[in-house]
Amino acid sequence: QAGDPGSKYGALFWVGTLLGWVIIGYGAPLMLSDDEAEWFNIVRLVTIGIIAHDIVWQSLSVVAGLLISKIIGRAIPFWVRWAGWTTAIIVAMRWPVGRRYGDRLNNDTILPRNYTNSIVILLAVIWIGAAAYGFASSRRSL
């Protein structure tokens, strides 16, 4: 049970789960009401996303985590693992945009922003937040 003191799921897990479902609940109706959305492409992209995440990405993450733990000789703190995995996901998702794939000379509304600056700021916020969590959790255990 979630409220049990011995439960492996903490409040952060349940807040994240709730926020995830809220985002899905908000996005799904928008996607379904979009006149330009094509059902085949939606199903195809969701299927590719599930395969990429569950089979490829999670496998690579677990193997990389195990290799790094073996190399440094100890377990990696949770906050470092979380920030590292989040960084890898964001970089992988932003790679095509950062490389300007899909840029069109005759359409100045495609990729108009400086994505390099935005990703650097986002990654700084992620690592600062993760480090603050790590610091706070280490202080609590003292």
C-alpha atoms as a PDB file:
ATOM      1  CA  GLN A   1       0.000   0.000   0.000  1.00  0.00           C
ATOM      2  CA  ALA A   2       1.122   3.553  -0.713  1.00  0.00           C
ATOM      3  CA  GLY A   3       0.608   4.780   2.845  1.00  0.00           C
ATOM      4  CA  ASP A   4       2.546   1.967   4.496  1.00  0.00           C
ATOM      5  CA  PRO A   5       5.861   3.055   6.042  1.00  0.00           C
ATOM      6  CA  GLY A   6       7.593   0.102   4.330  1.00  0.00           C
ATOM      7  CA  SER A   7       6.213   0.946   0.887  1.00  0.00           C
ATOM      8  CA  LYS A   8       8.790   1.432  -1.838  1.00  0.00           C
ATOM      9  CA  TYR A   9       6.569   4.069  -3.464  1.00  0.00           C
ATOM     10  CA  GLY A  10       6.904   7.474  -1.887  1.00  0.00           C
ATOM     11  CA  ALA A  11       4.919  10.664  -2.270  1.00  0.00           C
ATOM     12  CA  LEU A  12       7.120  11.796  -5.173  1.00  0.00           C
ATOM     13  CA  PHE A  13       6.144   8.676  -7.154  1.00  0.00           C
ATOM     14  CA  TRP A  14       2.431   9.255  -6.621  1.00  0.00           C
ATOM     15  CA  VAL A  15       2.626  12.975  -7.425  1.00  0.00           C
ATOM     16  CA  GLY A  16       4.525  12.165 -10.626  1.00  0.00           C
ATOM     17  CA  THR A  17       2.004   9.473 -11.543  1.00  0.00           C
ATOM     18  CA  LEU A  18      -0.902  11.840 -10.973  1.00  0.00           C
ATOM     19  CA  LEU A  19       0.734  14.608 -13.010  1.00  0.00           C
ATOM     20  CA  GLY A  20       1.440  12.150 -15.823  1.00  0.00           C
ATOM     21  CA  TRP A  21      -2.204  11.113 -16.008  1.00  0.00           C
ATOM     22  CA  VAL A  22      -3.316  14.758 -15.878  1.00  0.00           C
ATOM     23  CA  ILE A  23      -1.056  15.529 -18.857  1.00  0.00           C
ATOM     24  CA  ILE A  24      -2.407  12.511 -20.768  1.00  0.00           C
ATOM     25  CA  GLY A  25      -5.972  13.514 -19.875  1.00  0.00           C
ATOM     26  CA  TYR A  26      -5.327  17.013 -21.193  1.00  0.00           C
ATOM     27  CA  GLY A  27      -3.427  16.015 -24.332  1.00  0.00           C
ATOM     28  CA  ALA A  28      -5.553  13.101 -25.558  1.00  0.00           C
ATOM     29  CA  PRO A  29      -8.711  15.160 -26.220  1.00  0.00           C
ATOM     30  CA  LEU A  30      -6.623  17.830 -27.965  1.00  0.00           C
ATOM     31  CA  MET A  31      -5.084  15.210 -30.206  1.00  0.00           C
ATOM     32  CA  LEU A  32      -8.427  13.573 -30.960  1.00  0.00           C
ATOM     33  CA  SER A  33     -10.095  16.887 -31.789  1.00  0.00           C
ATOM     34  CA  ASP A  34      -7.326  18.001 -34.160  1.00  0.00           C
ATOM     35  CA  ASP A  35      -8.702  18.066 -37.712  1.00  0.00           C
ATOM     36  CA  GLU A  36      -5.263  17.464 -39.205  1.00  0.00           C
ATOM     37  CA  ALA A  37      -4.468  14.422 -37.047  1.00  0.00           C
ATOM     38  CA  GLU A  38      -4.398  11.170 -38.993  1.00  0.00           C
ATOM     39  CA  TRP A  39      -5.263   8.007 -37.063  1.00  0.00           C
ATOM     40  CA  PHE A  40      -2.669   5.826 -38.758  1.00  0.00           C
ATOM     41  CA  ASN A  41       0.133   8.262 -37.950  1.00  0.00           C
ATOM     42  CA  ILE A  42      -1.015   8.602 -34.331  1.00  0.00           C
ATOM     43  CA  VAL A  43      -1.124   4.818 -33.830  1.00  0.00           C
ATOM     44  CA  ARG A  44       2.219   4.424 -35.616  1.00  0.00           C
ATOM     45  CA  LEU A  45       3.938   7.105 -33.519  1.00  0.00           C
ATOM     46  CA  VAL A  46       2.521   5.766 -30.237  1.00  0.00           C
ATOM     47  CA  THR A  47       3.640   2.239 -31.165  1.00  0.00           C
ATOM     48  CA  ILE A  48       7.120   3.424 -32.111  1.00  0.00           C
ATOM     49  CA  GLY A  49       7.270   5.434 -28.889  1.00  0.00           C
ATOM     50  CA  ILE A  50       6.322   2.436 -26.768  1.00  0.00           C
ATOM     51  CA  ILE A  51       8.869   0.213 -28.513  1.00  0.00           C
ATOM     52  CA  ALA A  52      11.595   2.849 -28.336  1.00  0.00           C
ATOM     53  CA  HIS A  53      10.947   3.539 -24.664  1.00  0.00           C
ATOM     54  CA  ASP A  54      10.193   0.138 -23.225  1.00  0.00           C
ATOM     55  CA  ILE A  55      12.485  -2.080 -25.239  1.00  0.00           C
ATOM     56  CA  VAL A  56      15.344   0.095 -26.417  1.00  0.00           C
ATOM     57  CA  TRP A  57      15.606   3.027 -24.017  1.00  0.00           C
ATOM     58  CA  GLN A  58      14.988   1.175 -20.767  1.00  0.00           C
ATOM     59  CA  SER A  59      17.374  -1.622 -21.745  1.00  0.00           C
ATOM     60  CA  LEU A  60      20.120   0.853 -22.591  1.00  0.00           C
ATOM     61  CA  SER A  61      19.485   2.755 -19.362  1.00  0.00           C
ATOM     62  CA  VAL A  62      19.735  -0.344 -17.197  1.00  0.00           C
ATOM     63  CA  VAL A  63      22.895  -1.582 -18.939  1.00  0.00           C
ATOM     64  CA  ALA A  64      24.517   1.862 -18.757  1.00  0.00           C
ATOM     65  CA  GLY A  65      23.656   2.178 -15.070  1.00  0.00           C
ATOM     66  CA  LEU A  66      25.099  -1.258 -14.307  1.00  0.00           C
ATOM     67  CA  LEU A  67      28.284  -0.535 -16.266  1.00  0.00           C
ATOM     68  CA  ILE A  68      28.817   2.814 -14.569  1.00  0.00           C
ATOM     69  CA  SER A  69      28.201   1.233 -11.147  1.00  0.00           C
ATOM     70  CA  LYS A  70      30.781  -1.468 -11.933  1.00  0.00           C
ATOM     71  CA  ILE A  71      33.303   1.102 -13.151  1.00  0.00           C
ATOM     72  CA  ILE A  72      33.005   3.404 -10.128  1.00  0.00           C
ATOM     73  CA  GLY A  73      32.641   0.453  -7.755  1.00  0.00           C
ATOM     74  CA  ARG A  74      29.511   1.568  -5.907  1.00  0.00           C
ATOM     75  CA  ALA A  75      25.849   2.342  -6.417  1.00  0.00           C
ATOM     76  CA  ILE A  76      25.001   5.622  -8.081  1.00  0.00           C
ATOM     77  CA  PRO A  77      22.828   7.903  -5.925  1.00  0.00           C
ATOM     78  CA  PHE A  78      19.190   8.098  -7.016  1.00  0.00           C
ATOM     79  CA  TRP A  79      19.304  11.810  -7.803  1.00  0.00           C
ATOM     80  CA  VAL A  80      22.320  11.388 -10.115  1.00  0.00           C
ATOM     81  CA  ARG A  81      20.624   8.492 -11.942  1.00  0.00           C
ATOM     82  CA  TRP A  82      17.408  10.475 -12.322  1.00  0.00           C
ATOM     83  CA  ALA A  83      19.169  13.603 -13.601  1.00  0.00           C
ATOM     84  CA  GLY A  84      21.349  11.555 -15.949  1.00  0.00           C
ATOM     85  CA  TRP A  85      18.449   9.638 -17.447  1.00  0.00           C
ATOM     86  CA  THR A  86      16.371  12.790 -17.772  1.00  0.00           C
ATOM     87  CA  THR A  87      19.282  14.542 -19.474  1.00  0.00           C
ATOM     88  CA  ALA A  88      19.702  11.662 -21.916  1.00  0.00           C
ATOM     89  CA  ILE A  89      15.985  11.642 -22.761  1.00  0.00           C
ATOM     90  CA  ILE A  90      15.870  15.401 -23.320  1.00  0.00           C
ATOM     91  CA  VAL A  91      18.999  15.372 -25.469  1.00  0.00           C
ATOM     92  CA  ALA A  92      17.628  12.454 -27.521  1.00  0.00           C
ATOM     93  CA  MET A  93      14.300  14.218 -28.024  1.00  0.00           C
ATOM     94  CA  ARG A  94      15.870  17.562 -28.875  1.00  0.00           C
ATOM     95  CA  TRP A  95      18.605  16.187 -31.140  1.00  0.00           C
ATOM     96  CA  PRO A  96      16.600  16.528 -34.387  1.00  0.00           C
ATOM     97  CA  VAL A  97      15.516  20.061 -33.464  1.00  0.00           C
ATOM     98  CA  GLY A  98      19.024  21.081 -32.426  1.00  0.00           C
ATOM     99  CA  ARG A  99      20.424  19.682 -35.674  1.00  0.00           C
ATOM    100  CA  ARG A 100      17.677  21.664 -37.451  1.00  0.00           C
ATOM    101  CA  TYR A 101      16.235  18.646 -39.277  1.00  0.00           C
ATOM    102  CA  GLY A 102      13.077  19.784 -41.018  1.00  0.00           C
ATOM    103  CA  ASP A 103      14.231  23.404 -41.368  1.00  0.00           C
ATOM    104  CA  ARG A 104      12.770  24.994 -44.456  1.00  0.00           C
ATOM    105  CA  LEU A 105      14.169  28.062 -46.133  1.00  0.00           C
ATOM    106  CA  ASN A 106      10.781  29.182 -47.432  1.00  0.00           C
ATOM    107  CA  ASN A 107       9.046  28.930 -44.036  1.00  0.00           C
ATOM    108  CA  ASP A 108      10.466  31.194 -41.337  1.00  0.00           C
ATOM    109  CA  THR A 109       8.087  29.806 -38.680  1.00  0.00           C
ATOM    110  CA  ILE A 110       9.821  26.398 -38.646  1.00  0.00           C
ATOM    111  CA  LEU A 111      12.443  26.152 -35.855  1.00  0.00           C
ATOM    112  CA  PRO A 112      12.608  29.906 -35.143  1.00  0.00           C
ATOM    113  CA  ARG A 113      14.091  29.724 -31.644  1.00  0.00           C
ATOM    114  CA  ASN A 114      17.556  29.215 -30.218  1.00  0.00           C
ATOM    115  CA  TYR A 115      17.178  25.632 -29.019  1.00  0.00           C
ATOM    116  CA  THR A 116      20.768  25.332 -27.813  1.00  0.00           C
ATOM    117  CA  ASN A 117      20.248  27.998 -25.159  1.00  0.00           C
ATOM    118  CA  SER A 118      16.915  26.544 -24.077  1.00  0.00           C
ATOM    119  CA  ILE A 119      18.312  23.035 -23.631  1.00  0.00           C
ATOM    120  CA  VAL A 120      21.310  24.319 -21.651  1.00  0.00           C
ATOM    121  CA  ILE A 121      18.978  26.236 -19.317  1.00  0.00           C
ATOM    122  CA  LEU A 122      16.645  23.234 -18.961  1.00  0.00           C
ATOM    123  CA  LEU A 123      19.519  20.861 -18.169  1.00  0.00           C
ATOM    124  CA  ALA A 124      20.937  23.319 -15.627  1.00  0.00           C
ATOM    125  CA  VAL A 125      17.551  23.468 -13.887  1.00  0.00           C
ATOM    126  CA  ILE A 126      17.322  19.652 -13.878  1.00  0.00           C
ATOM    127  CA  TRP A 127      20.798  19.161 -12.384  1.00  0.00           C
ATOM    128  CA  ILE A 128      20.420  21.974  -9.830  1.00  0.00           C
ATOM    129  CA  GLY A 129      17.049  20.557  -8.741  1.00  0.00           C
ATOM    130  CA  ALA A 130      18.448  17.025  -8.535  1.00  0.00           C
ATOM    131  CA  ALA A 131      21.473  18.211  -6.546  1.00  0.00           C
ATOM    132  CA  ALA A 132      19.180  20.123  -4.164  1.00  0.00           C
ATOM    133  CA  TYR A 133      17.135  16.951  -3.686  1.00  0.00           C
ATOM    134  CA  GLY A 134      20.328  14.955  -3.057  1.00  0.00           C
ATOM    135  CA  PHE A 135      21.586  17.531  -0.566  1.00  0.00           C
ATOM    136  CA  ALA A 136      18.258  17.685   1.271  1.00  0.00           C
ATOM    137  CA  SER A 137      17.935  13.890   1.436  1.00  0.00           C
ATOM    138  CA  SER A 138      21.500  13.513   2.711  1.00  0.00           C
ATOM    139  CA  ARG A 139      20.862  16.124   5.416  1.00  0.00           C
ATOM    140  CA  ARG A 140      17.694  14.289   6.475  1.00  0.00           C
ATOM    141  CA  SER A 141      19.589  11.043   6.946  1.00  0.00           C
ATOM    142  CA  LEU A 142      22.194  12.612   9.249  1.00  0.00           C
END
